[in-house]
Every structure is written in C-alpha cells, then in structure tokens.
C-alpha cells in the first residue's frame, strides 16, 4: 500500500471537507463524522481520508500502486481547487511511500 499526504492551508477546512465528501459521495462510498472534522472517500482505485485541522485540510491518499495513487490524488485535488473559488488553494502531495 502506498500513502501520500497533502496539507492544504485554508481558513475553511470544515467547509471544503463537507463539500468534497458530499459531492464525491454521489459517485463513491463516503463518510463524514458528526462534528464535520473528518471524512473518507473510497474509490475503486484507492481511498482518501480527510481531516479538518485548525488552518488546514489534511488529505491522506492510499492506493495499491503509483498509478492508482496518482488517479485518486488528481480527482481529489481537481475537485477541491474547483470548489475554492474564493481561495487560491495549493494542493502539494508528498511523494508516495510504502506503508
């Protein structure tokens, strides 16, 4: 299993977490905590856990190989940036490492 993490600085991490889980949850399995500070998305090619920390949204992606990892990273990052019309969010993924 390969893991990659992106810490996206934002003043609205809970808002973006909710939007991602709600929107992508129409196409993939999704869960969100009652307090809105964590969530998960399960794709056919991998998974993404989301955590709303003070000042940042932390995205952690897991997949079986680099190709699948890149696919999940792409979907999550593209949608997040698209939602952030008021903010200029930067999604920089760490290099995928075996876990």
PDB file of N, CA and C in Angstrom:
ATOM      1  N   UNK A   1       0.844  -1.170   0.000  1.00  0.00           N
ATOM      2  CA  UNK A   1       0.000   0.000   0.000  1.00  0.00           C
ATOM      3  C   UNK A   1       0.892   1.236   0.000  1.00  0.00           C
ATOM      4  N   UNK A   2       0.531   2.211  -0.818  1.00  0.00           N
ATOM      5  CA  UNK A   2       1.297   3.449  -0.925  1.00  0.00           C
ATOM      6  C   UNK A   2       0.461   4.585  -0.346  1.00  0.00           C
ATOM      7  N   UNK A   3       1.134   5.495   0.367  1.00  0.00           N
ATOM      8  CA  UNK A   3       0.451   6.622   1.006  1.00  0.00           C
ATOM      9  C   UNK A   3       1.075   7.936   0.551  1.00  0.00           C
ATOM     10  N   UNK A   4       0.217   8.939   0.383  1.00  0.00           N
ATOM     11  CA  UNK A   4       0.663  10.288   0.069  1.00  0.00           C
ATOM     12  C   UNK A   4      -0.225  11.262   0.832  1.00  0.00           C
ATOM     13  N   UNK A   5       0.369  12.362   1.309  1.00  0.00           N
ATOM     14  CA  UNK A   5      -0.362  13.327   2.131  1.00  0.00           C
ATOM     15  C   UNK A   5      -0.211  14.727   1.548  1.00  0.00           C
ATOM     16  N   UNK A   6      -1.299  15.503   1.615  1.00  0.00           N
ATOM     17  CA  UNK A   6      -1.256  16.924   1.259  1.00  0.00           C
ATOM     18  C   UNK A   6      -1.885  17.704   2.406  1.00  0.00           C
ATOM     19  N   UNK A   7      -1.197  18.730   2.870  1.00  0.00           N
ATOM     20  CA  UNK A   7      -1.737  19.629   3.884  1.00  0.00           C
ATOM     21  C   UNK A   7      -2.057  20.939   3.173  1.00  0.00           C
ATOM     22  N   UNK A   8      -3.352  21.205   3.012  1.00  0.00           N
ATOM     23  CA  UNK A   8      -3.815  22.353   2.237  1.00  0.00           C
ATOM     24  C   UNK A   8      -4.209  23.470   3.200  1.00  0.00           C
ATOM     25  N   UNK A   9      -3.473  24.557   3.166  1.00  0.00           N
ATOM     26  CA  UNK A   9      -3.755  25.674   4.069  1.00  0.00           C
ATOM     27  C   UNK A   9      -5.036  26.379   3.646  1.00  0.00           C
ATOM     28  N   UNK A  10      -5.949  26.562   4.620  1.00  0.00           N
ATOM     29  CA  UNK A  10      -7.211  27.250   4.374  1.00  0.00           C
ATOM     30  C   UNK A  10      -7.836  27.659   5.698  1.00  0.00           C
ATOM     31  N   UNK A  11      -8.582  28.745   5.664  1.00  0.00           N
ATOM     32  CA  UNK A  11      -9.324  29.181   6.844  1.00  0.00           C
ATOM     33  C   UNK A  11     -10.646  28.430   6.979  1.00  0.00           C
ATOM     34  N   UNK A  12     -10.991  27.628   5.965  1.00  0.00           N
ATOM     35  CA  UNK A  12     -12.277  26.921   5.954  1.00  0.00           C
ATOM     36  C   UNK A  12     -12.122  25.420   5.713  1.00  0.00           C
ATOM     37  N   UNK A  13     -11.338  24.735   6.515  1.00  0.00           N
ATOM     38  CA  UNK A  13     -11.133  23.305   6.249  1.00  0.00           C
ATOM     39  C   UNK A  13     -12.411  22.481   6.372  1.00  0.00           C
ATOM     40  N   UNK A  14     -13.272  22.795   7.352  1.00  0.00           N
ATOM     41  CA  UNK A  14     -14.510  22.022   7.524  1.00  0.00           C
ATOM     42  C   UNK A  14     -15.433  22.186   6.322  1.00  0.00           C
ATOM     43  N   UNK A  15     -15.494  23.395   5.787  1.00  0.00           N
ATOM     44  CA  UNK A  15     -16.364  23.664   4.643  1.00  0.00           C
ATOM     45  C   UNK A  15     -15.934  22.835   3.437  1.00  0.00           C
ATOM     46  N   UNK A  16     -14.636  22.847   3.144  1.00  0.00           N
ATOM     47  CA  UNK A  16     -14.153  22.107   1.981  1.00  0.00           C
ATOM     48  C   UNK A  16     -14.251  20.601   2.191  1.00  0.00           C
ATOM     49  N   UNK A  17     -14.041  20.142   3.408  1.00  0.00           N
ATOM     50  CA  UNK A  17     -14.204  18.719   3.716  1.00  0.00           C
ATOM     51  C   UNK A  17     -15.642  18.302   3.417  1.00  0.00           C
ATOM     52  N   UNK A  18     -16.589  19.084   3.911  1.00  0.00           N
ATOM     53  CA  UNK A  18     -18.007  18.765   3.696  1.00  0.00           C
ATOM     54  C   UNK A  18     -18.349  18.765   2.206  1.00  0.00           C
ATOM     55  N   UNK A  19     -17.849  19.753   1.467  1.00  0.00           N
ATOM     56  CA  UNK A  19     -18.132  19.822   0.035  1.00  0.00           C
ATOM     57  C   UNK A  19     -17.569  18.617  -0.713  1.00  0.00           C
ATOM     58  N   UNK A  20     -16.337  18.258  -0.412  1.00  0.00           N
ATOM     59  CA  UNK A  20     -15.728  17.113  -1.093  1.00  0.00           C
ATOM     60  C   UNK A  20     -16.479  15.823  -0.807  1.00  0.00           C
ATOM     61  N   UNK A  21     -16.772  15.578   0.464  1.00  0.00           N
ATOM     62  CA  UNK A  21     -17.466  14.341   0.833  1.00  0.00           C
ATOM     63  C   UNK A  21     -18.863  14.312   0.220  1.00  0.00           C
ATOM     64  N   UNK A  22     -19.564  15.438   0.261  1.00  0.00           N
ATOM     65  CA  UNK A  22     -20.916  15.494  -0.286  1.00  0.00           C
ATOM     66  C   UNK A  22     -20.911  15.303  -1.803  1.00  0.00           C
ATOM     67  N   UNK A  23     -20.051  16.036  -2.490  1.00  0.00           N
ATOM     68  CA  UNK A  23     -20.027  15.980  -3.947  1.00  0.00           C
ATOM     69  C   UNK A  23     -19.515  14.635  -4.468  1.00  0.00           C
ATOM     70  N   UNK A  24     -18.346  14.227  -4.003  1.00  0.00           N
ATOM     71  CA  UNK A  24     -17.784  12.968  -4.493  1.00  0.00           C
ATOM     72  C   UNK A  24     -18.552  11.767  -3.965  1.00  0.00           C
ATOM     73  N   UNK A  25     -19.258  11.943  -2.852  1.00  0.00           N
ATOM     74  CA  UNK A  25     -20.059  10.870  -2.281  1.00  0.00           C
ATOM     75  C   UNK A  25     -21.217  10.445  -3.160  1.00  0.00           C
ATOM     76  N   UNK A  26     -21.522  11.230  -4.170  1.00  0.00           N
ATOM     77  CA  UNK A  26     -22.563  10.837  -5.130  1.00  0.00           C
ATOM     78  C   UNK A  26     -22.075   9.723  -6.053  1.00  0.00           C
ATOM     79  N   UNK A  27     -20.741   9.610  -6.167  1.00  0.00           N
ATOM     80  CA  UNK A  27     -20.173   8.630  -7.095  1.00  0.00           C
ATOM     81  C   UNK A  27     -19.376   7.529  -6.412  1.00  0.00           C
ATOM     82  N   UNK A  28     -18.908   7.791  -5.186  1.00  0.00           N
ATOM     83  CA  UNK A  28     -18.098   6.809  -4.459  1.00  0.00           C
ATOM     84  C   UNK A  28     -18.619   6.698  -3.030  1.00  0.00           C
ATOM     85  N   UNK A  29     -18.208   5.638  -2.338  1.00  0.00           N
ATOM     86  CA  UNK A  29     -18.582   5.494  -0.932  1.00  0.00           C
ATOM     87  C   UNK A  29     -17.919   6.599  -0.128  1.00  0.00           C
ATOM     88  N   UNK A  30     -18.695   7.185   0.791  1.00  0.00           N
ATOM     89  CA  UNK A  30     -18.149   8.283   1.586  1.00  0.00           C
ATOM     90  C   UNK A  30     -18.726   8.259   2.991  1.00  0.00           C
ATOM     91  N   UNK A  31     -17.978   8.852   3.908  1.00  0.00           N
ATOM     92  CA  UNK A  31     -18.416   9.001   5.297  1.00  0.00           C
ATOM     93  C   UNK A  31     -17.918  10.339   5.798  1.00  0.00           C
ATOM     94  N   UNK A  32     -18.701  10.934   6.718  1.00  0.00           N
ATOM     95  CA  UNK A  32     -18.275  12.165   7.374  1.00  0.00           C
ATOM     96  C   UNK A  32     -18.645  12.075   8.841  1.00  0.00           C
ATOM     97  N   UNK A  33     -17.745  12.529   9.705  1.00  0.00           N
ATOM     98  CA  UNK A  33     -18.016  12.494  11.141  1.00  0.00           C
ATOM     99  C   UNK A  33     -19.125  13.482  11.482  1.00  0.00           C
ATOM    100  N   UNK A  34     -19.807  13.240  12.597  1.00  0.00           N
ATOM    101  CA  UNK A  34     -20.890  14.117  13.023  1.00  0.00           C
ATOM    102  C   UNK A  34     -20.413  15.539  13.279  1.00  0.00           C
ATOM    103  N   UNK A  35     -19.188  15.688  13.764  1.00  0.00           N
ATOM    104  CA  UNK A  35     -18.684  17.030  14.060  1.00  0.00           C
ATOM    105  C   UNK A  35     -18.057  17.714  12.840  1.00  0.00           C
ATOM    106  N   UNK A  36     -17.998  17.029  11.704  1.00  0.00           N
ATOM    107  CA  UNK A  36     -17.514  17.629  10.469  1.00  0.00           C
ATOM    108  C   UNK A  36     -16.017  17.819  10.367  1.00  0.00           C
ATOM    109  N   UNK A  37     -15.261  17.182  11.257  1.00  0.00           N
ATOM    110  CA  UNK A  37     -13.810  17.379  11.231  1.00  0.00           C
ATOM    111  C   UNK A  37     -13.050  16.249  10.542  1.00  0.00           C
ATOM    112  N   UNK A  38     -13.749  15.212  10.113  1.00  0.00           N
ATOM    113  CA  UNK A  38     -13.077  14.130   9.393  1.00  0.00           C
ATOM    114  C   UNK A  38     -14.053  13.459   8.435  1.00  0.00           C
ATOM    115  N   UNK A  39     -13.473  12.822   7.438  1.00  0.00           N
ATOM    116  CA  UNK A  39     -14.290  12.124   6.467  1.00  0.00           C
ATOM    117  C   UNK A  39     -13.431  11.172   5.660  1.00  0.00           C
ATOM    118  N   UNK A  40     -14.096  10.376   4.827  1.00  0.00           N
ATOM    119  CA  UNK A  40     -13.358   9.449   3.976  1.00  0.00           C
ATOM    120  C   UNK A  40     -14.094   9.247   2.661  1.00  0.00           C
ATOM    121  N   UNK A  41     -13.312   8.950   1.640  1.00  0.00           N
ATOM    122  CA  UNK A  41     -13.820   8.654   0.306  1.00  0.00           C
ATOM    123  C   UNK A  41     -13.159   7.363  -0.154  1.00  0.00           C
ATOM    124  N   UNK A  42     -13.965   6.422  -0.654  1.00  0.00           N
ATOM    125  CA  UNK A  42     -13.418   5.153  -1.119  1.00  0.00           C
ATOM    126  C   UNK A  42     -13.689   5.012  -2.611  1.00  0.00           C
ATOM    127  N   UNK A  43     -12.633   5.085  -3.387  1.00  0.00           N
ATOM    128  CA  UNK A  43     -12.692   4.960  -4.836  1.00  0.00           C
ATOM    129  C   UNK A  43     -12.351   3.523  -5.221  1.00  0.00           C
ATOM    130  N   UNK A  44     -12.621   3.143  -6.464  1.00  0.00           N
ATOM    131  CA  UNK A  44     -12.228   1.808  -6.914  1.00  0.00           C
ATOM    132  C   UNK A  44     -10.706   1.681  -6.967  1.00  0.00           C
ATOM    133  N   UNK A  45     -10.016   2.801  -7.125  1.00  0.00           N
ATOM    134  CA  UNK A  45      -8.558   2.765  -7.249  1.00  0.00           C
ATOM    135  C   UNK A  45      -7.804   3.086  -5.964  1.00  0.00           C
ATOM    136  N   UNK A  46      -8.513   3.474  -4.908  1.00  0.00           N
ATOM    137  CA  UNK A  46      -7.848   3.808  -3.652  1.00  0.00           C
ATOM    138  C   UNK A  46      -8.785   4.543  -2.719  1.00  0.00           C
ATOM    139  N   UNK A  47      -8.218   5.176  -1.699  1.00  0.00           N
ATOM    140  CA  UNK A  47      -9.055   5.880  -0.722  1.00  0.00           C
ATOM    141  C   UNK A  47      -8.403   7.188  -0.307  1.00  0.00           C
ATOM    142  N   UNK A  48      -9.221   8.064   0.261  1.00  0.00           N
ATOM    143  CA  UNK A  48      -8.732   9.338   0.763  1.00  0.00           C
ATOM    144  C   UNK A  48      -9.402   9.615   2.102  1.00  0.00           C
ATOM    145  N   UNK A  49      -8.603   9.880   3.121  1.00  0.00           N
ATOM    146  CA  UNK A  49      -9.148  10.342   4.391  1.00  0.00           C
ATOM    147  C   UNK A  49      -8.902  11.841   4.465  1.00  0.00           C
ATOM    148  N   UNK A  50      -9.878  12.550   5.024  1.00  0.00           N
ATOM    149  CA  UNK A  50      -9.820  13.998   5.109  1.00  0.00           C
ATOM    150  C   UNK A  50      -9.931  14.394   6.572  1.00  0.00           C
ATOM    151  N   UNK A  51      -9.090  15.320   7.000  1.00  0.00           N
ATOM    152  CA  UNK A  51      -9.107  15.791   8.375  1.00  0.00           C
ATOM    153  C   UNK A  51      -9.037  17.309   8.373  1.00  0.00           C
ATOM    154  N   UNK A  52     -10.003  17.943   9.042  1.00  0.00           N
ATOM    155  CA  UNK A  52     -10.018  19.397   9.169  1.00  0.00           C
ATOM    156  C   UNK A  52      -9.259  19.777  10.429  1.00  0.00           C
ATOM    157  N   UNK A  53      -8.060  20.288  10.244  1.00  0.00           N
ATOM    158  CA  UNK A  53      -7.241  20.785  11.345  1.00  0.00           C
ATOM    159  C   UNK A  53      -7.359  22.301  11.380  1.00  0.00           C
ATOM    160  N   UNK A  54      -6.984  22.934  12.481  1.00  0.00           N
ATOM    161  CA  UNK A  54      -7.005  24.399  12.506  1.00  0.00           C
ATOM    162  C   UNK A  54      -6.091  24.975  11.413  1.00  0.00           C
ATOM    163  N   UNK A  55      -6.683  25.685  10.471  1.00  0.00           N
ATOM    164  CA  UNK A  55      -5.912  26.328   9.415  1.00  0.00           C
ATOM    165  C   UNK A  55      -5.516  25.458   8.245  1.00  0.00           C
ATOM    166  N   UNK A  56      -5.977  24.199   8.206  1.00  0.00           N
ATOM    167  CA  UNK A  56      -5.582  23.326   7.093  1.00  0.00           C
ATOM    168  C   UNK A  56      -6.531  22.141   6.944  1.00  0.00           C
ATOM    169  N   UNK A  57      -6.650  21.684   5.714  1.00  0.00           N
ATOM    170  CA  UNK A  57      -7.342  20.442   5.403  1.00  0.00           C
ATOM    171  C   UNK A  57      -6.263  19.432   5.032  1.00  0.00           C
ATOM    172  N   UNK A  58      -6.207  18.330   5.777  1.00  0.00           N
ATOM    173  CA  UNK A  58      -5.194  17.301   5.538  1.00  0.00           C
ATOM    174  C   UNK A  58      -5.832  16.164   4.744  1.00  0.00           C
ATOM    175  N   UNK A  59      -5.247  15.864   3.602  1.00  0.00           N
ATOM    176  CA  UNK A  59      -5.728  14.809   2.711  1.00  0.00           C
ATOM    177  C   UNK A  59      -4.699  13.686   2.706  1.00  0.00           C
ATOM    178  N   UNK A  60      -5.137  12.466   3.012  1.00  0.00           N
ATOM    179  CA  UNK A  60      -4.243  11.313   3.010  1.00  0.00           C
ATOM    180  C   UNK A  60      -4.805  10.279   2.047  1.00  0.00           C
ATOM    181  N   UNK A  61      -4.026   9.961   1.018  1.00  0.00           N
ATOM    182  CA  UNK A  61      -4.470   9.034  -0.025  1.00  0.00           C
ATOM    183  C   UNK A  61      -3.702   7.723   0.097  1.00  0.00           C
ATOM    184  N   UNK A  62      -4.420   6.613  -0.066  1.00  0.00           N
ATOM    185  CA  UNK A  62      -3.820   5.275  -0.084  1.00  0.00           C
ATOM    186  C   UNK A  62      -4.236   4.571  -1.375  1.00  0.00           C
ATOM    187  N   UNK A  63      -3.296   3.845  -1.969  1.00  0.00           N
ATOM    188  CA  UNK A  63      -3.590   3.055  -3.164  1.00  0.00           C
ATOM    189  C   UNK A  63      -2.571   1.925  -3.269  1.00  0.00           C
ATOM    190  N   UNK A  64      -2.877   0.956  -4.127  1.00  0.00           N
ATOM    191  CA  UNK A  64      -2.013  -0.214  -4.293  1.00  0.00           C
ATOM    192  C   UNK A  64      -0.747   0.075  -5.089  1.00  0.00           C
ATOM    193  N   UNK A  65      -0.800   1.044  -5.998  1.00  0.00           N
ATOM    194  CA  UNK A  65       0.378   1.361  -6.803  1.00  0.00           C
ATOM    195  C   UNK A  65       0.388   2.848  -7.145  1.00  0.00           C
ATOM    196  N   UNK A  66       1.490   3.301  -7.749  1.00  0.00           N
ATOM    197  CA  UNK A  66       1.664   4.726  -8.053  1.00  0.00           C
ATOM    198  C   UNK A  66       0.613   5.245  -9.033  1.00  0.00           C
ATOM    199  N   UNK A  67       0.234   4.423  -9.996  1.00  0.00           N
ATOM    200  CA  UNK A  67      -0.752   4.847 -10.994  1.00  0.00           C
ATOM    201  C   UNK A  67      -2.107   5.119 -10.338  1.00  0.00           C
ATOM    202  N   UNK A  68      -2.541   4.216  -9.487  1.00  0.00           N
ATOM    203  CA  UNK A  68      -3.818   4.403  -8.793  1.00  0.00           C
ATOM    204  C   UNK A  68      -3.736   5.568  -7.805  1.00  0.00           C
ATOM    205  N   UNK A  69      -2.593   5.693  -7.147  1.00  0.00           N
ATOM    206  CA  UNK A  69      -2.382   6.802  -6.221  1.00  0.00           C
ATOM    207  C   UNK A  69      -2.540   8.135  -6.956  1.00  0.00           C
ATOM    208  N   UNK A  70      -1.907   8.251  -8.108  1.00  0.00           N
ATOM    209  CA  UNK A  70      -1.986   9.480  -8.898  1.00  0.00           C
ATOM    210  C   UNK A  70      -3.414   9.774  -9.345  1.00  0.00           C
ATOM    211  N   UNK A  71      -4.173   8.732  -9.668  1.00  0.00           N
ATOM    212  CA  UNK A  71      -5.558   8.923 -10.100  1.00  0.00           C
ATOM    213  C   UNK A  71      -6.411   9.497  -8.970  1.00  0.00           C
ATOM    214  N   UNK A  72      -6.275   8.955  -7.770  1.00  0.00           N
ATOM    215  CA  UNK A  72      -7.046   9.453  -6.628  1.00  0.00           C
ATOM    216  C   UNK A  72      -6.600  10.872  -6.277  1.00  0.00           C
ATOM    217  N   UNK A  73      -5.295  11.105  -6.269  1.00  0.00           N
ATOM    218  CA  UNK A  73      -4.784  12.451  -5.996  1.00  0.00           C
ATOM    219  C   UNK A  73      -5.385  13.460  -6.971  1.00  0.00           C
ATOM    220  N   UNK A  74      -5.418  13.107  -8.237  1.00  0.00           N
ATOM    221  CA  UNK A  74      -5.923  14.008  -9.268  1.00  0.00           C
ATOM    222  C   UNK A  74      -7.392  14.354  -9.047  1.00  0.00           C
ATOM    223  N   UNK A  75      -8.219  13.357  -8.806  1.00  0.00           N
ATOM    224  CA  UNK A  75      -9.653  13.598  -8.612  1.00  0.00           C
ATOM    225  C   UNK A  75      -9.894  14.494  -7.399  1.00  0.00           C
ATOM    226  N   UNK A  76      -9.267  14.170  -6.286  1.00  0.00           N
ATOM    227  CA  UNK A  76      -9.478  14.935  -5.053  1.00  0.00           C
ATOM    228  C   UNK A  76      -8.976  16.368  -5.221  1.00  0.00           C
ATOM    229  N   UNK A  77      -7.781  16.540  -5.747  1.00  0.00           N
ATOM    230  CA  UNK A  77      -7.205  17.881  -5.897  1.00  0.00           C
ATOM    231  C   UNK A  77      -8.007  18.735  -6.876  1.00  0.00           C
ATOM    232  N   UNK A  78      -8.388  18.170  -8.016  1.00  0.00           N
ATOM    233  CA  UNK A  78      -9.154  18.939  -9.005  1.00  0.00           C
ATOM    234  C   UNK A  78     -10.466  19.443  -8.435  1.00  0.00           C
ATOM    235  N   UNK A  79     -11.184  18.573  -7.728  1.00  0.00           N
ATOM    236  CA  UNK A  79     -12.459  18.989  -7.161  1.00  0.00           C
ATOM    237  C   UNK A  79     -12.270  20.020  -6.060  1.00  0.00           C
ATOM    238  N   UNK A  80     -11.287  19.832  -5.215  1.00  0.00           N
ATOM    239  CA  UNK A  80     -11.044  20.788  -4.139  1.00  0.00           C
ATOM    240  C   UNK A  80     -10.730  22.173  -4.701  1.00  0.00           C
ATOM    241  N   UNK A  81      -9.844  22.248  -5.664  1.00  0.00           N
ATOM    242  CA  UNK A  81      -9.482  23.536  -6.257  1.00  0.00           C
ATOM    243  C   UNK A  81     -10.689  24.167  -6.951  1.00  0.00           C
ATOM    244  N   UNK A  82     -11.509  23.369  -7.586  1.00  0.00           N
ATOM    245  CA  UNK A  82     -12.704  23.874  -8.260  1.00  0.00           C
ATOM    246  C   UNK A  82     -13.693  24.477  -7.258  1.00  0.00           C
ATOM    247  N   UNK A  83     -13.830  23.876  -6.079  1.00  0.00           N
ATOM    248  CA  UNK A  83     -14.738  24.400  -5.056  1.00  0.00           C
ATOM    249  C   UNK A  83     -14.233  25.707  -4.462  1.00  0.00           C
ATOM    250  N   UNK A  84     -12.947  25.906  -4.472  1.00  0.00           N
ATOM    251  CA  UNK A  84     -12.326  27.031  -3.760  1.00  0.00           C
ATOM    252  C   UNK A  84     -12.292  28.287  -4.619  1.00  0.00           C
ATOM    253  N   UNK A  85     -13.436  28.767  -5.027  1.00  0.00           N
ATOM    254  CA  UNK A  85     -13.477  29.949  -5.885  1.00  0.00           C
ATOM    255  C   UNK A  85     -13.034  31.207  -5.151  1.00  0.00           C
ATOM    256  N   UNK A  86     -13.203  31.243  -3.832  1.00  0.00           N
ATOM    257  CA  UNK A  86     -12.816  32.421  -3.054  1.00  0.00           C
ATOM    258  C   UNK A  86     -11.379  32.332  -2.546  1.00  0.00           C
ATOM    259  N   UNK A  87     -10.807  31.163  -2.553  1.00  0.00           N
ATOM    260  CA  UNK A  87      -9.454  30.955  -2.057  1.00  0.00           C
ATOM    261  C   UNK A  87      -8.584  30.400  -3.180  1.00  0.00           C
ATOM    262  N   UNK A  88      -7.312  30.665  -3.097  1.00  0.00           N
ATOM    263  CA  UNK A  88      -6.372  30.050  -4.030  1.00  0.00           C
ATOM    264  C   UNK A  88      -5.664  28.927  -3.286  1.00  0.00           C
ATOM    265  N   UNK A  89      -6.283  27.765  -3.283  1.00  0.00           N
ATOM    266  CA  UNK A  89      -5.720  26.635  -2.554  1.00  0.00           C
ATOM    267  C   UNK A  89      -4.603  25.979  -3.356  1.00  0.00           C
ATOM    268  N   UNK A  90      -3.588  25.531  -2.633  1.00  0.00           N
ATOM    269  CA  UNK A  90      -2.467  24.826  -3.246  1.00  0.00           C
ATOM    270  C   UNK A  90      -2.441  23.413  -2.671  1.00  0.00           C
ATOM    271  N   UNK A  91      -2.557  22.428  -3.553  1.00  0.00           N
ATOM    272  CA  UNK A  91      -2.525  21.027  -3.136  1.00  0.00           C
ATOM    273  C   UNK A  91      -1.199  20.435  -3.605  1.00  0.00           C
ATOM    274  N   UNK A  92      -0.295  20.217  -2.657  1.00  0.00           N
ATOM    275  CA  UNK A  92       1.003  19.621  -2.970  1.00  0.00           C
ATOM    276  C   UNK A  92       1.109  18.297  -2.228  1.00  0.00           C
ATOM    277  N   UNK A  93       1.173  17.216  -2.991  1.00  0.00           N
ATOM    278  CA  UNK A  93       1.221  15.877  -2.415  1.00  0.00           C
ATOM    279  C   UNK A  93       2.649  15.492  -2.060  1.00  0.00           C
ATOM    280  N   UNK A  94       2.791  14.790  -0.945  1.00  0.00           N
ATOM    281  CA  UNK A  94       4.088  14.208  -0.609  1.00  0.00           C
ATOM    282  C   UNK A  94       4.352  13.056  -1.574  1.00  0.00           C
ATOM    283  N   UNK A  95       5.598  12.685  -1.706  1.00  0.00           N
ATOM    284  CA  UNK A  95       5.950  11.540  -2.529  1.00  0.00           C
ATOM    285  C   UNK A  95       5.327  10.289  -1.918  1.00  0.00           C
ATOM    286  N   UNK A  96       4.728   9.457  -2.760  1.00  0.00           N
ATOM    287  CA  UNK A  96       4.102   8.235  -2.268  1.00  0.00           C
ATOM    288  C   UNK A  96       5.115   7.312  -1.620  1.00  0.00           C
ATOM    289  N   UNK A  97       4.816   6.854  -0.414  1.00  0.00           N
ATOM    290  CA  UNK A  97       5.707   5.944   0.309  1.00  0.00           C
ATOM    291  C   UNK A  97       4.951   4.682   0.694  1.00  0.00           C
ATOM    292  N   UNK A  98       5.655   3.569   0.736  1.00  0.00           N
ATOM    293  CA  UNK A  98       5.068   2.297   1.161  1.00  0.00           C
ATOM    294  C   UNK A  98       4.724   2.366   2.640  1.00  0.00           C
ATOM    295  N   UNK A  99       3.527   1.901   2.976  1.00  0.00           N
ATOM    296  CA  UNK A  99       3.130   1.830   4.393  1.00  0.00           C
ATOM    297  C   UNK A  99       2.655   0.438   4.722  1.00  0.00           C
TER     298      UNK A  99
END
